[in-house]
Amino acid sequence: LATSRLKLGQPVRLKAAAAGTGLSMIVVLDRLLREGHDPGLITAAITDREGANVDKALRLLEKLPSTRPHIALHANAPCGILPHVEDLLHPTTKTMNQLPFDVVTLVGLLEYFPGFTFTTTEEHLGQPAPQGPPHAADLVRNIGAMTAEGGFLITNTFRLKAAIRTMEVFGKRFRYRGRKEMAELLAHGGFATTGHYVSANIFDMEVYEKKRAAAESPAG
């Protein structure tokens, strides 16, 4: 998605939201820069709610010769890579004032929020279904506001597999969504499926396109 824009000489804005240490995005940036794409066309944000994770992302970026020269010093830099703390449920003025992003990744987060599910860990255990707020739709609306129209969201759904059930035994609690439930949820951020997805053993990755403004009304 980013490469196609860069090959045309167009700028691209990338964001890894709730990304932990941002390793996946850092690998992508390393590859783009080593392939010779113009760093002046690339803006990337790597965010997480935990400051310790953001600090680790910054250390990783500083260790790579490809990314080290392109770390942005402030949020208003015209290009570069900016790791920073962000709570997706409570966007700050700094975050909201940023230009929207062309590609946003949100992996390993929506399954912790209720709404638009076909089942949950609690239901399997004979416990009451989880209630909000916050709901998954609250998070999706904020993600939609960060994504440019015509931009893309890459996210995941967990499969109801034995490996996941093992994680539940050790205290994890998941909200399970198939592709149908995920499409209904992401519509609240203005996203529609592109039909592009990759299946793995315990989760699927799918690409959604931002088609319109995010919904205003709460949903769950």
N, C-alpha and C. Protein backbone atom coordinates (compact mmCIF):
# COMPACT_ATOMS: atom_id res chain seq x y z
N LEU A 1 0.82 -1.20 0.00
CA LEU A 1 0.00 0.00 0.00
C LEU A 1 0.86 1.26 0.00
N ALA A 2 1.90 1.27 0.83
CA ALA A 2 2.78 2.43 0.88
C ALA A 2 3.68 2.48 -0.35
N THR A 3 4.18 1.33 -0.77
CA THR A 3 5.11 1.28 -1.90
C THR A 3 4.49 1.83 -3.17
N SER A 4 3.21 1.53 -3.39
CA SER A 4 2.57 2.00 -4.62
C SER A 4 2.53 3.52 -4.69
N ARG A 5 2.31 4.18 -3.57
CA ARG A 5 2.31 5.64 -3.54
C ARG A 5 3.72 6.19 -3.73
N LEU A 6 4.67 5.58 -3.05
CA LEU A 6 6.05 6.08 -3.13
C LEU A 6 6.62 5.93 -4.54
N LYS A 7 6.26 4.86 -5.23
CA LYS A 7 6.74 4.67 -6.60
C LYS A 7 6.24 5.75 -7.54
N LEU A 8 5.10 6.35 -7.18
CA LEU A 8 4.54 7.45 -7.98
C LEU A 8 5.05 8.81 -7.53
N GLY A 9 5.94 8.79 -6.55
CA GLY A 9 6.47 10.05 -6.03
C GLY A 9 5.51 10.77 -5.11
N GLN A 10 4.53 10.04 -4.57
CA GLN A 10 3.53 10.64 -3.69
C GLN A 10 3.91 10.40 -2.23
N PRO A 11 3.67 11.37 -1.37
CA PRO A 11 3.97 11.17 0.05
C PRO A 11 3.02 10.15 0.67
N VAL A 12 3.47 9.50 1.72
CA VAL A 12 2.63 8.52 2.41
C VAL A 12 2.78 8.74 3.91
N ARG A 13 1.64 8.66 4.58
CA ARG A 13 1.61 8.81 6.04
C ARG A 13 1.15 7.48 6.63
N LEU A 14 1.98 6.91 7.51
CA LEU A 14 1.74 5.60 8.09
C LEU A 14 1.58 5.73 9.60
N LYS A 15 0.72 4.89 10.17
CA LYS A 15 0.56 4.91 11.62
C LYS A 15 0.37 3.50 12.15
N ALA A 16 1.17 3.13 13.14
CA ALA A 16 0.97 1.89 13.88
C ALA A 16 0.37 2.28 15.22
N ALA A 17 -0.93 2.06 15.39
CA ALA A 17 -1.64 2.47 16.59
C ALA A 17 -1.66 1.35 17.61
N ALA A 18 -1.50 1.72 18.88
CA ALA A 18 -1.46 0.72 19.97
C ALA A 18 -0.48 -0.39 19.59
N ALA A 19 0.72 0.02 19.20
CA ALA A 19 1.65 -0.88 18.53
C ALA A 19 2.66 -1.55 19.45
N GLY A 20 2.55 -1.36 20.74
CA GLY A 20 3.58 -1.92 21.61
C GLY A 20 4.93 -1.27 21.30
N THR A 21 5.92 -2.08 21.01
CA THR A 21 7.23 -1.54 20.65
C THR A 21 7.33 -1.18 19.17
N GLY A 22 6.27 -1.42 18.41
CA GLY A 22 6.25 -0.99 17.01
C GLY A 22 7.12 -1.79 16.08
N LEU A 23 7.44 -3.03 16.46
CA LEU A 23 8.41 -3.79 15.68
C LEU A 23 7.96 -4.00 14.23
N SER A 24 6.69 -4.32 14.02
CA SER A 24 6.23 -4.57 12.65
C SER A 24 6.38 -3.33 11.77
N MET A 25 5.99 -2.17 12.30
CA MET A 25 6.13 -0.93 11.53
C MET A 25 7.60 -0.59 11.30
N ILE A 26 8.44 -0.84 12.28
CA ILE A 26 9.87 -0.56 12.13
C ILE A 26 10.47 -1.42 11.03
N VAL A 27 10.05 -2.69 10.95
CA VAL A 27 10.52 -3.57 9.88
C VAL A 27 10.09 -3.03 8.51
N VAL A 28 8.84 -2.55 8.41
CA VAL A 28 8.36 -1.97 7.15
C VAL A 28 9.16 -0.74 6.78
N LEU A 29 9.40 0.14 7.73
CA LEU A 29 10.15 1.36 7.45
C LEU A 29 11.58 1.05 7.04
N ASP A 30 12.19 0.10 7.72
CA ASP A 30 13.55 -0.31 7.38
C ASP A 30 13.61 -0.79 5.93
N ARG A 31 12.63 -1.57 5.54
CA ARG A 31 12.59 -2.10 4.17
C ARG A 31 12.39 -0.97 3.16
N LEU A 32 11.43 -0.09 3.41
CA LEU A 32 11.17 1.01 2.48
C LEU A 32 12.41 1.89 2.28
N LEU A 33 13.08 2.18 3.36
CA LEU A 33 14.26 3.04 3.28
C LEU A 33 15.44 2.34 2.62
N ARG A 34 15.61 1.06 2.90
CA ARG A 34 16.71 0.32 2.27
C ARG A 34 16.45 0.09 0.78
N GLU A 35 15.17 0.09 0.38
CA GLU A 35 14.84 -0.04 -1.04
C GLU A 35 15.09 1.25 -1.80
N GLY A 36 15.41 2.31 -1.08
CA GLY A 36 15.78 3.55 -1.74
C GLY A 36 14.66 4.57 -1.91
N HIS A 37 13.53 4.35 -1.27
CA HIS A 37 12.44 5.32 -1.38
C HIS A 37 12.83 6.62 -0.66
N ASP A 38 12.35 7.73 -1.17
CA ASP A 38 12.69 9.06 -0.65
C ASP A 38 12.16 9.21 0.77
N PRO A 39 13.05 9.35 1.77
CA PRO A 39 12.57 9.51 3.15
C PRO A 39 11.78 10.79 3.35
N GLY A 40 11.97 11.78 2.47
CA GLY A 40 11.21 13.01 2.57
C GLY A 40 9.74 12.84 2.24
N LEU A 41 9.38 11.67 1.68
CA LEU A 41 7.97 11.39 1.36
C LEU A 41 7.29 10.53 2.42
N ILE A 42 8.05 10.11 3.43
CA ILE A 42 7.53 9.15 4.41
C ILE A 42 7.35 9.82 5.77
N THR A 43 6.13 9.74 6.29
CA THR A 43 5.84 10.15 7.66
C THR A 43 5.26 8.94 8.37
N ALA A 44 5.76 8.63 9.54
CA ALA A 44 5.28 7.45 10.27
C ALA A 44 5.14 7.77 11.75
N ALA A 45 4.02 7.36 12.32
CA ALA A 45 3.80 7.47 13.77
C ALA A 45 3.71 6.08 14.35
N ILE A 46 4.38 5.87 15.46
CA ILE A 46 4.31 4.62 16.21
C ILE A 46 3.83 4.98 17.60
N THR A 47 2.63 4.52 17.97
CA THR A 47 2.05 4.96 19.23
C THR A 47 1.67 3.79 20.12
N ASP A 48 1.66 4.07 21.40
CA ASP A 48 1.19 3.10 22.39
C ASP A 48 0.80 3.87 23.65
N ARG A 49 -0.06 3.29 24.44
CA ARG A 49 -0.49 3.95 25.68
C ARG A 49 0.61 3.93 26.73
N GLU A 50 1.50 2.95 26.65
CA GLU A 50 2.55 2.78 27.66
C GLU A 50 3.84 3.47 27.21
N GLY A 51 4.31 4.40 28.03
CA GLY A 51 5.53 5.11 27.70
C GLY A 51 6.74 4.20 27.57
N ALA A 52 6.78 3.11 28.35
CA ALA A 52 7.92 2.19 28.28
C ALA A 52 8.00 1.55 26.89
N ASN A 53 6.86 1.23 26.29
CA ASN A 53 6.88 0.66 24.94
C ASN A 53 7.37 1.67 23.91
N VAL A 54 6.94 2.92 24.07
CA VAL A 54 7.39 3.97 23.15
C VAL A 54 8.90 4.17 23.26
N ASP A 55 9.41 4.12 24.48
CA ASP A 55 10.86 4.25 24.68
C ASP A 55 11.61 3.11 23.99
N LYS A 56 11.07 1.91 24.06
CA LYS A 56 11.70 0.76 23.39
C LYS A 56 11.67 0.94 21.87
N ALA A 57 10.55 1.44 21.35
CA ALA A 57 10.47 1.69 19.91
C ALA A 57 11.53 2.70 19.48
N LEU A 58 11.70 3.74 20.25
CA LEU A 58 12.70 4.75 19.92
C LEU A 58 14.11 4.16 19.94
N ARG A 59 14.38 3.29 20.90
CA ARG A 59 15.71 2.66 20.95
C ARG A 59 15.94 1.77 19.74
N LEU A 60 14.90 1.05 19.32
CA LEU A 60 15.03 0.21 18.12
C LEU A 60 15.31 1.07 16.88
N LEU A 61 14.59 2.17 16.76
CA LEU A 61 14.79 3.07 15.62
C LEU A 61 16.21 3.65 15.61
N GLU A 62 16.71 3.95 16.78
CA GLU A 62 18.06 4.53 16.89
C GLU A 62 19.15 3.52 16.55
N LYS A 63 18.86 2.23 16.68
CA LYS A 63 19.86 1.20 16.40
C LYS A 63 19.99 0.89 14.92
N LEU A 64 18.95 1.15 14.14
CA LEU A 64 18.98 0.80 12.71
C LEU A 64 19.57 1.94 11.89
N PRO A 65 20.60 1.67 11.09
CA PRO A 65 21.18 2.73 10.25
C PRO A 65 20.17 3.35 9.29
N SER A 66 19.19 2.57 8.87
CA SER A 66 18.21 3.09 7.91
C SER A 66 17.26 4.10 8.54
N THR A 67 16.83 3.85 9.77
CA THR A 67 15.82 4.70 10.39
C THR A 67 16.41 5.80 11.28
N ARG A 68 17.62 5.60 11.79
CA ARG A 68 18.20 6.53 12.76
C ARG A 68 18.19 7.99 12.26
N PRO A 69 18.57 8.26 11.00
CA PRO A 69 18.62 9.67 10.58
C PRO A 69 17.25 10.30 10.37
N HIS A 70 16.18 9.51 10.45
CA HIS A 70 14.87 10.02 10.06
C HIS A 70 13.87 10.07 11.21
N ILE A 71 14.40 10.00 12.45
CA ILE A 71 13.53 10.13 13.61
C ILE A 71 13.11 11.60 13.73
N ALA A 72 11.80 11.84 13.79
CA ALA A 72 11.29 13.21 13.88
C ALA A 72 11.48 13.74 15.30
N LEU A 73 11.78 15.02 15.38
CA LEU A 73 12.02 15.64 16.68
C LEU A 73 10.75 16.18 17.32
N HIS A 74 9.70 16.37 16.55
CA HIS A 74 8.45 16.90 17.10
C HIS A 74 7.29 16.50 16.20
N ALA A 75 6.07 16.62 16.72
CA ALA A 75 4.88 16.14 16.02
C ALA A 75 4.58 16.90 14.75
N ASN A 76 5.07 18.14 14.63
CA ASN A 76 4.78 18.96 13.45
C ASN A 76 5.85 18.86 12.37
N ALA A 77 6.77 17.94 12.53
CA ALA A 77 7.79 17.75 11.50
C ALA A 77 7.13 17.35 10.18
N PRO A 78 7.61 17.89 9.03
CA PRO A 78 6.97 17.59 7.74
C PRO A 78 7.10 16.13 7.31
N CYS A 79 8.06 15.41 7.85
CA CYS A 79 8.23 13.99 7.54
C CYS A 79 9.06 13.37 8.66
N GLY A 80 9.30 12.07 8.57
CA GLY A 80 10.09 11.40 9.58
C GLY A 80 9.26 10.43 10.40
N ILE A 81 9.91 9.82 11.39
CA ILE A 81 9.31 8.76 12.20
C ILE A 81 9.17 9.28 13.63
N LEU A 82 7.94 9.26 14.14
CA LEU A 82 7.69 9.82 15.46
C LEU A 82 7.03 8.78 16.36
N PRO A 83 7.77 8.20 17.31
CA PRO A 83 7.12 7.37 18.33
C PRO A 83 6.58 8.28 19.43
N HIS A 84 5.35 8.06 19.86
CA HIS A 84 4.83 8.88 20.95
C HIS A 84 3.70 8.16 21.68
N VAL A 85 3.48 8.59 22.92
CA VAL A 85 2.44 8.01 23.77
C VAL A 85 1.07 8.50 23.28
N GLU A 86 0.11 7.57 23.24
CA GLU A 86 -1.24 7.93 22.80
C GLU A 86 -2.24 6.95 23.40
N ASP A 87 -3.30 7.48 23.98
CA ASP A 87 -4.43 6.69 24.43
C ASP A 87 -5.51 6.82 23.36
N LEU A 88 -5.78 5.75 22.64
CA LEU A 88 -6.71 5.84 21.51
C LEU A 88 -8.13 6.18 21.93
N LEU A 89 -8.49 5.90 23.18
CA LEU A 89 -9.83 6.24 23.64
C LEU A 89 -9.95 7.70 24.06
N HIS A 90 -8.81 8.34 24.30
CA HIS A 90 -8.81 9.74 24.74
C HIS A 90 -7.74 10.51 23.95
N PRO A 91 -8.01 10.76 22.67
CA PRO A 91 -7.01 11.46 21.84
C PRO A 91 -6.72 12.85 22.38
N THR A 92 -5.46 13.22 22.36
CA THR A 92 -5.06 14.54 22.82
C THR A 92 -5.19 15.55 21.68
N THR A 93 -5.07 16.83 22.02
CA THR A 93 -5.10 17.87 20.99
C THR A 93 -3.99 17.65 19.98
N LYS A 94 -2.82 17.23 20.46
CA LYS A 94 -1.70 16.98 19.55
C LYS A 94 -2.04 15.91 18.53
N THR A 95 -2.65 14.83 19.01
CA THR A 95 -3.01 13.74 18.10
C THR A 95 -4.09 14.17 17.12
N MET A 96 -5.10 14.87 17.62
CA MET A 96 -6.23 15.24 16.79
C MET A 96 -5.85 16.27 15.73
N ASN A 97 -4.82 17.06 16.01
CA ASN A 97 -4.39 18.09 15.05
C ASN A 97 -3.49 17.53 13.96
N GLN A 98 -3.08 16.28 14.08
CA GLN A 98 -2.25 15.68 13.04
C GLN A 98 -3.07 15.48 11.77
N LEU A 99 -2.40 15.57 10.63
CA LEU A 99 -3.05 15.23 9.38
C LEU A 99 -3.44 13.76 9.41
N PRO A 100 -4.52 13.38 8.71
CA PRO A 100 -4.91 11.96 8.71
C PRO A 100 -3.87 11.10 8.01
N PHE A 101 -3.92 9.81 8.30
CA PHE A 101 -2.92 8.87 7.80
C PHE A 101 -3.48 8.05 6.64
N ASP A 102 -2.57 7.67 5.74
CA ASP A 102 -2.96 6.89 4.56
C ASP A 102 -3.09 5.40 4.88
N VAL A 103 -2.28 4.93 5.80
CA VAL A 103 -2.33 3.53 6.22
C VAL A 103 -2.22 3.49 7.75
N VAL A 104 -3.18 2.84 8.39
CA VAL A 104 -3.17 2.69 9.85
C VAL A 104 -3.23 1.20 10.16
N THR A 105 -2.41 0.76 11.09
CA THR A 105 -2.49 -0.63 11.57
C THR A 105 -3.02 -0.63 13.00
N LEU A 106 -3.94 -1.54 13.27
CA LEU A 106 -4.50 -1.71 14.61
C LEU A 106 -4.63 -3.21 14.84
N VAL A 107 -3.63 -3.78 15.50
CA VAL A 107 -3.54 -5.24 15.63
C VAL A 107 -3.47 -5.62 17.10
N GLY A 108 -4.30 -6.58 17.49
CA GLY A 108 -4.22 -7.10 18.85
C GLY A 108 -4.87 -6.23 19.89
N LEU A 109 -5.89 -5.45 19.51
CA LEU A 109 -6.54 -4.56 20.47
C LEU A 109 -8.05 -4.69 20.49
N LEU A 110 -8.69 -4.71 19.34
CA LEU A 110 -10.16 -4.70 19.29
C LEU A 110 -10.77 -5.90 20.00
N GLU A 111 -10.04 -7.01 20.07
CA GLU A 111 -10.60 -8.21 20.70
C GLU A 111 -10.78 -8.07 22.21
N TYR A 112 -10.31 -6.96 22.79
CA TYR A 112 -10.50 -6.73 24.22
C TYR A 112 -11.72 -5.84 24.52
N PHE A 113 -12.41 -5.36 23.49
CA PHE A 113 -13.52 -4.43 23.68
C PHE A 113 -14.82 -5.06 23.21
N PRO A 114 -15.91 -4.88 23.97
CA PRO A 114 -17.19 -5.51 23.61
C PRO A 114 -17.89 -4.80 22.46
N GLY A 115 -18.82 -5.54 21.85
CA GLY A 115 -19.63 -5.00 20.77
C GLY A 115 -19.35 -5.70 19.46
N PHE A 116 -20.43 -6.10 18.77
CA PHE A 116 -20.32 -6.72 17.46
C PHE A 116 -19.51 -8.02 17.51
N THR A 117 -19.89 -8.91 18.40
CA THR A 117 -19.19 -10.18 18.56
C THR A 117 -20.14 -11.34 18.25
N PHE A 118 -19.56 -12.50 17.90
CA PHE A 118 -20.41 -13.69 17.79
C PHE A 118 -20.31 -14.56 19.04
N THR A 119 -19.26 -14.34 19.83
CA THR A 119 -19.16 -14.97 21.15
C THR A 119 -18.02 -14.31 21.91
N THR A 120 -17.89 -14.66 23.19
CA THR A 120 -16.84 -14.10 24.04
C THR A 120 -16.28 -15.19 24.95
N THR A 121 -15.13 -14.92 25.53
CA THR A 121 -14.55 -15.85 26.51
C THR A 121 -15.53 -16.09 27.65
N GLU A 122 -16.15 -15.03 28.14
CA GLU A 122 -17.04 -15.15 29.29
C GLU A 122 -18.22 -16.08 28.98
N GLU A 123 -18.75 -15.98 27.77
CA GLU A 123 -19.86 -16.86 27.41
C GLU A 123 -19.42 -18.32 27.42
N HIS A 124 -18.19 -18.59 26.97
CA HIS A 124 -17.68 -19.96 27.01
C HIS A 124 -17.55 -20.47 28.45
N LEU A 125 -17.26 -19.57 29.36
CA LEU A 125 -17.03 -19.96 30.75
C LEU A 125 -18.31 -19.90 31.57
N GLY A 126 -19.44 -19.59 30.91
CA GLY A 126 -20.71 -19.52 31.62
C GLY A 126 -20.86 -18.27 32.47
N GLN A 127 -20.13 -17.23 32.13
CA GLN A 127 -20.18 -15.97 32.85
C GLN A 127 -20.97 -14.94 32.06
N PRO A 128 -21.41 -13.85 32.70
CA PRO A 128 -22.14 -12.81 31.96
C PRO A 128 -21.27 -12.20 30.86
N ALA A 129 -21.91 -11.89 29.75
CA ALA A 129 -21.19 -11.26 28.64
C ALA A 129 -20.67 -9.89 29.08
N PRO A 130 -19.48 -9.50 28.64
CA PRO A 130 -18.92 -8.20 29.04
C PRO A 130 -19.74 -7.05 28.50
N GLN A 131 -19.78 -5.97 29.27
CA GLN A 131 -20.50 -4.77 28.87
C GLN A 131 -19.53 -3.59 28.81
N GLY A 132 -19.89 -2.58 28.05
CA GLY A 132 -19.11 -1.34 28.02
C GLY A 132 -19.74 -0.32 28.96
N PRO A 133 -19.30 0.93 28.89
CA PRO A 133 -18.21 1.38 28.04
C PRO A 133 -16.84 1.10 28.66
N PRO A 134 -15.78 1.23 27.87
CA PRO A 134 -15.80 1.61 26.45
C PRO A 134 -16.19 0.43 25.56
N HIS A 135 -16.77 0.77 24.41
CA HIS A 135 -17.12 -0.22 23.42
C HIS A 135 -16.10 -0.19 22.28
N ALA A 136 -16.07 -1.29 21.54
CA ALA A 136 -15.17 -1.34 20.38
C ALA A 136 -15.50 -0.23 19.39
N ALA A 137 -16.78 0.10 19.25
CA ALA A 137 -17.17 1.14 18.30
C ALA A 137 -16.60 2.50 18.68
N ASP A 138 -16.43 2.77 20.00
CA ASP A 138 -15.82 4.03 20.43
C ASP A 138 -14.40 4.14 19.89
N LEU A 139 -13.68 3.05 20.01
CA LEU A 139 -12.30 3.00 19.53
C LEU A 139 -12.25 3.14 18.01
N VAL A 140 -13.15 2.45 17.32
CA VAL A 140 -13.16 2.47 15.86
C VAL A 140 -13.45 3.87 15.32
N ARG A 141 -14.36 4.59 15.98
CA ARG A 141 -14.64 5.95 15.52
C ARG A 141 -13.42 6.84 15.62
N ASN A 142 -12.63 6.67 16.69
CA ASN A 142 -11.41 7.46 16.82
C ASN A 142 -10.38 7.08 15.76
N ILE A 143 -10.28 5.78 15.46
CA ILE A 143 -9.38 5.34 14.40
C ILE A 143 -9.82 5.90 13.05
N GLY A 144 -11.14 5.90 12.82
CA GLY A 144 -11.65 6.47 11.58
C GLY A 144 -11.29 7.92 11.41
N ALA A 145 -11.33 8.68 12.50
CA ALA A 145 -10.99 10.10 12.43
C ALA A 145 -9.52 10.33 12.11
N MET A 146 -8.67 9.34 12.38
CA MET A 146 -7.24 9.46 12.11
C MET A 146 -6.86 9.02 10.70
N THR A 147 -7.81 8.43 9.98
CA THR A 147 -7.52 7.82 8.68
C THR A 147 -8.08 8.68 7.56
N ALA A 148 -7.26 8.95 6.56
CA ALA A 148 -7.69 9.75 5.42
C ALA A 148 -8.73 9.01 4.59
N GLU A 149 -9.67 9.74 3.99
CA GLU A 149 -10.59 9.10 3.05
C GLU A 149 -9.79 8.50 1.91
N GLY A 150 -10.10 7.26 1.58
CA GLY A 150 -9.31 6.54 0.59
C GLY A 150 -8.10 5.85 1.20
N GLY A 151 -7.89 6.08 2.51
CA GLY A 151 -6.80 5.41 3.21
C GLY A 151 -7.23 4.02 3.65
N PHE A 152 -6.30 3.31 4.30
CA PHE A 152 -6.54 1.90 4.62
C PHE A 152 -6.26 1.61 6.09
N LEU A 153 -7.06 0.71 6.64
CA LEU A 153 -6.86 0.17 7.98
C LEU A 153 -6.54 -1.31 7.86
N ILE A 154 -5.49 -1.74 8.54
CA ILE A 154 -5.13 -3.15 8.60
C ILE A 154 -5.36 -3.62 10.03
N THR A 155 -6.23 -4.63 10.20
CA THR A 155 -6.54 -5.11 11.53
C THR A 155 -6.73 -6.62 11.51
N ASN A 156 -6.99 -7.20 12.67
CA ASN A 156 -7.05 -8.65 12.78
C ASN A 156 -8.32 -9.13 13.46
N THR A 157 -8.67 -10.37 13.22
CA THR A 157 -9.69 -11.06 14.00
C THR A 157 -9.09 -12.38 14.48
N PHE A 158 -9.36 -12.73 15.74
CA PHE A 158 -8.90 -14.01 16.28
C PHE A 158 -9.85 -15.12 15.85
N ARG A 159 -9.29 -16.28 15.57
CA ARG A 159 -10.10 -17.46 15.31
C ARG A 159 -10.37 -18.19 16.62
N LEU A 160 -11.49 -18.90 16.64
CA LEU A 160 -11.85 -19.66 17.83
C LEU A 160 -11.14 -21.02 17.75
N LYS A 161 -9.87 -21.02 18.12
CA LYS A 161 -9.02 -22.20 17.98
C LYS A 161 -8.52 -22.65 19.35
N ALA A 162 -7.99 -23.85 19.38
CA ALA A 162 -7.50 -24.42 20.64
C ALA A 162 -6.40 -23.56 21.24
N ALA A 163 -5.54 -23.00 20.40
CA ALA A 163 -4.43 -22.19 20.92
C ALA A 163 -4.95 -20.97 21.67
N ILE A 164 -6.02 -20.37 21.15
CA ILE A 164 -6.60 -19.22 21.81
C ILE A 164 -7.29 -19.64 23.10
N ARG A 165 -7.98 -20.78 23.08
CA ARG A 165 -8.64 -21.25 24.30
C ARG A 165 -7.62 -21.51 25.41
N THR A 166 -6.41 -21.95 25.02
CA THR A 166 -5.35 -22.13 26.01
C THR A 166 -4.98 -20.81 26.66
N MET A 167 -4.94 -19.74 25.85
CA MET A 167 -4.64 -18.41 26.39
C MET A 167 -5.72 -17.97 27.37
N GLU A 168 -6.97 -18.36 27.10
CA GLU A 168 -8.06 -18.02 28.01
C GLU A 168 -7.87 -18.66 29.38
N VAL A 169 -7.34 -19.87 29.38
CA VAL A 169 -7.10 -20.58 30.64
C VAL A 169 -6.18 -19.77 31.54
N PHE A 170 -5.25 -19.02 30.91
CA PHE A 170 -4.28 -18.25 31.68
C PHE A 170 -4.71 -16.80 31.89
N GLY A 171 -6.02 -16.56 31.71
CA GLY A 171 -6.56 -15.27 32.10
C GLY A 171 -6.91 -14.30 31.00
N LYS A 172 -6.60 -14.60 29.75
CA LYS A 172 -6.96 -13.72 28.66
C LYS A 172 -8.47 -13.77 28.43
N ARG A 173 -9.05 -12.63 28.06
CA ARG A 173 -10.47 -12.53 27.79
C ARG A 173 -10.67 -11.87 26.43
N PHE A 174 -11.31 -12.59 25.51
CA PHE A 174 -11.42 -12.12 24.14
C PHE A 174 -12.86 -11.93 23.72
N ARG A 175 -13.07 -10.95 22.81
CA ARG A 175 -14.32 -10.77 22.11
C ARG A 175 -14.09 -11.28 20.69
N TYR A 176 -14.80 -12.32 20.30
CA TYR A 176 -14.55 -12.96 19.01
C TYR A 176 -15.43 -12.35 17.93
N ARG A 177 -14.82 -12.03 16.79
CA ARG A 177 -15.54 -11.50 15.63
C ARG A 177 -15.11 -12.23 14.38
N GLY A 178 -16.07 -12.61 13.58
CA GLY A 178 -15.77 -13.09 12.24
C GLY A 178 -15.67 -11.91 11.30
N ARG A 179 -15.52 -12.20 10.03
CA ARG A 179 -15.39 -11.11 9.05
C ARG A 179 -16.69 -10.29 8.98
N LYS A 180 -17.84 -10.95 9.14
CA LYS A 180 -19.12 -10.24 9.11
C LYS A 180 -19.21 -9.25 10.27
N GLU A 181 -18.92 -9.72 11.49
CA GLU A 181 -19.01 -8.85 12.66
C GLU A 181 -18.00 -7.72 12.59
N MET A 182 -16.79 -8.03 12.09
CA MET A 182 -15.78 -6.99 12.00
C MET A 182 -16.18 -5.91 10.99
N ALA A 183 -16.77 -6.32 9.88
CA ALA A 183 -17.22 -5.34 8.87
C ALA A 183 -18.29 -4.43 9.46
N GLU A 184 -19.21 -5.01 10.23
CA GLU A 184 -20.26 -4.20 10.86
C GLU A 184 -19.67 -3.23 11.87
N LEU A 185 -18.70 -3.68 12.64
CA LEU A 185 -18.04 -2.83 13.62
C LEU A 185 -17.30 -1.68 12.93
N LEU A 186 -16.49 -2.01 11.94
CA LEU A 186 -15.63 -1.00 11.32
C LEU A 186 -16.41 0.01 10.49
N ALA A 187 -17.64 -0.33 10.13
CA ALA A 187 -18.48 0.65 9.44
C ALA A 187 -18.70 1.90 10.30
N HIS A 188 -18.58 1.77 11.62
CA HIS A 188 -18.74 2.92 12.52
C HIS A 188 -17.56 3.87 12.43
N GLY A 189 -16.48 3.45 11.81
CA GLY A 189 -15.36 4.35 11.54
C GLY A 189 -15.31 4.79 10.09
N GLY A 190 -16.34 4.39 9.31
CA GLY A 190 -16.36 4.75 7.89
C GLY A 190 -15.58 3.80 7.01
N PHE A 191 -15.29 2.60 7.52
CA PHE A 191 -14.47 1.65 6.78
C PHE A 191 -15.34 0.60 6.08
N ALA A 192 -14.87 0.15 4.92
CA ALA A 192 -15.51 -0.94 4.18
C ALA A 192 -14.44 -1.93 3.76
N THR A 193 -14.81 -3.19 3.71
CA THR A 193 -13.82 -4.21 3.36
C THR A 193 -13.34 -4.05 1.92
N THR A 194 -12.09 -4.37 1.70
CA THR A 194 -11.53 -4.36 0.34
C THR A 194 -11.52 -5.76 -0.27
N GLY A 195 -11.77 -6.77 0.58
CA GLY A 195 -11.69 -8.15 0.11
C GLY A 195 -10.29 -8.72 0.18
N HIS A 196 -9.33 -7.92 0.64
CA HIS A 196 -7.95 -8.40 0.77
C HIS A 196 -7.71 -8.86 2.20
N TYR A 197 -7.39 -10.14 2.37
CA TYR A 197 -7.11 -10.65 3.70
C TYR A 197 -6.14 -11.83 3.62
N VAL A 198 -5.49 -12.09 4.74
CA VAL A 198 -4.55 -13.21 4.85
C VAL A 198 -4.95 -14.02 6.06
N SER A 199 -5.08 -15.32 5.89
CA SER A 199 -5.47 -16.21 6.98
C SER A 199 -4.24 -16.87 7.59
N ALA A 200 -4.25 -16.96 8.90
CA ALA A 200 -3.18 -17.65 9.62
C ALA A 200 -3.83 -18.69 10.54
N ASN A 201 -3.02 -19.31 11.38
CA ASN A 201 -3.53 -20.40 12.21
C ASN A 201 -4.52 -19.93 13.26
N ILE A 202 -4.23 -18.80 13.92
CA ILE A 202 -5.09 -18.36 15.01
C ILE A 202 -5.73 -17.00 14.76
N PHE A 203 -5.35 -16.30 13.71
CA PHE A 203 -5.99 -15.02 13.41
C PHE A 203 -5.92 -14.74 11.92
N ASP A 204 -6.79 -13.84 11.48
CA ASP A 204 -6.80 -13.37 10.10
C ASP A 204 -6.45 -11.89 10.10
N MET A 205 -5.75 -11.44 9.06
CA MET A 205 -5.46 -10.03 8.85
C MET A 205 -6.25 -9.56 7.64
N GLU A 206 -6.91 -8.41 7.76
CA GLU A 206 -7.73 -7.92 6.65
C GLU A 206 -7.52 -6.43 6.47
N VAL A 207 -7.68 -5.99 5.22
CA VAL A 207 -7.50 -4.59 4.86
C VAL A 207 -8.88 -3.97 4.60
N TYR A 208 -9.12 -2.82 5.24
CA TYR A 208 -10.36 -2.07 5.06
C TYR A 208 -10.01 -0.68 4.51
N GLU A 209 -10.93 -0.13 3.72
CA GLU A 209 -10.72 1.20 3.15
C GLU A 209 -11.65 2.21 3.80
N LYS A 210 -11.12 3.40 4.07
CA LYS A 210 -11.93 4.47 4.64
C LYS A 210 -12.76 5.10 3.53
N LYS A 211 -14.07 4.97 3.62
CA LYS A 211 -14.97 5.42 2.57
C LYS A 211 -15.67 6.72 2.90
N ARG A 212 -15.89 7.00 4.19
CA ARG A 212 -16.70 8.16 4.58
C ARG A 212 -16.34 8.56 5.99
N ALA A 213 -16.98 9.63 6.46
CA ALA A 213 -16.73 10.10 7.82
C ALA A 213 -17.21 9.07 8.83
N ALA A 214 -16.57 9.06 9.99
CA ALA A 214 -16.95 8.12 11.05
C ALA A 214 -18.34 8.45 11.58
N ALA A 215 -19.06 7.44 12.06
CA ALA A 215 -20.39 7.62 12.61
C ALA A 215 -20.32 8.44 13.90
N GLU A 216 -21.35 9.22 14.15
CA GLU A 216 -21.38 10.06 15.35
C GLU A 216 -22.05 9.37 16.53
N SER A 217 -23.04 8.55 16.25
CA SER A 217 -23.86 7.99 17.34
C SER A 217 -23.18 6.79 17.96
N PRO A 218 -23.35 6.58 19.29
CA PRO A 218 -22.78 5.40 19.92
C PRO A 218 -23.45 4.15 19.43
N ALA A 219 -22.67 3.04 19.46
CA ALA A 219 -23.23 1.76 19.06
C ALA A 219 -22.53 0.67 19.80
N GLY A 220 -23.10 -0.49 19.87
CA GLY A 220 -22.46 -1.60 20.54
C GLY A 220 -23.08 -2.89 20.16
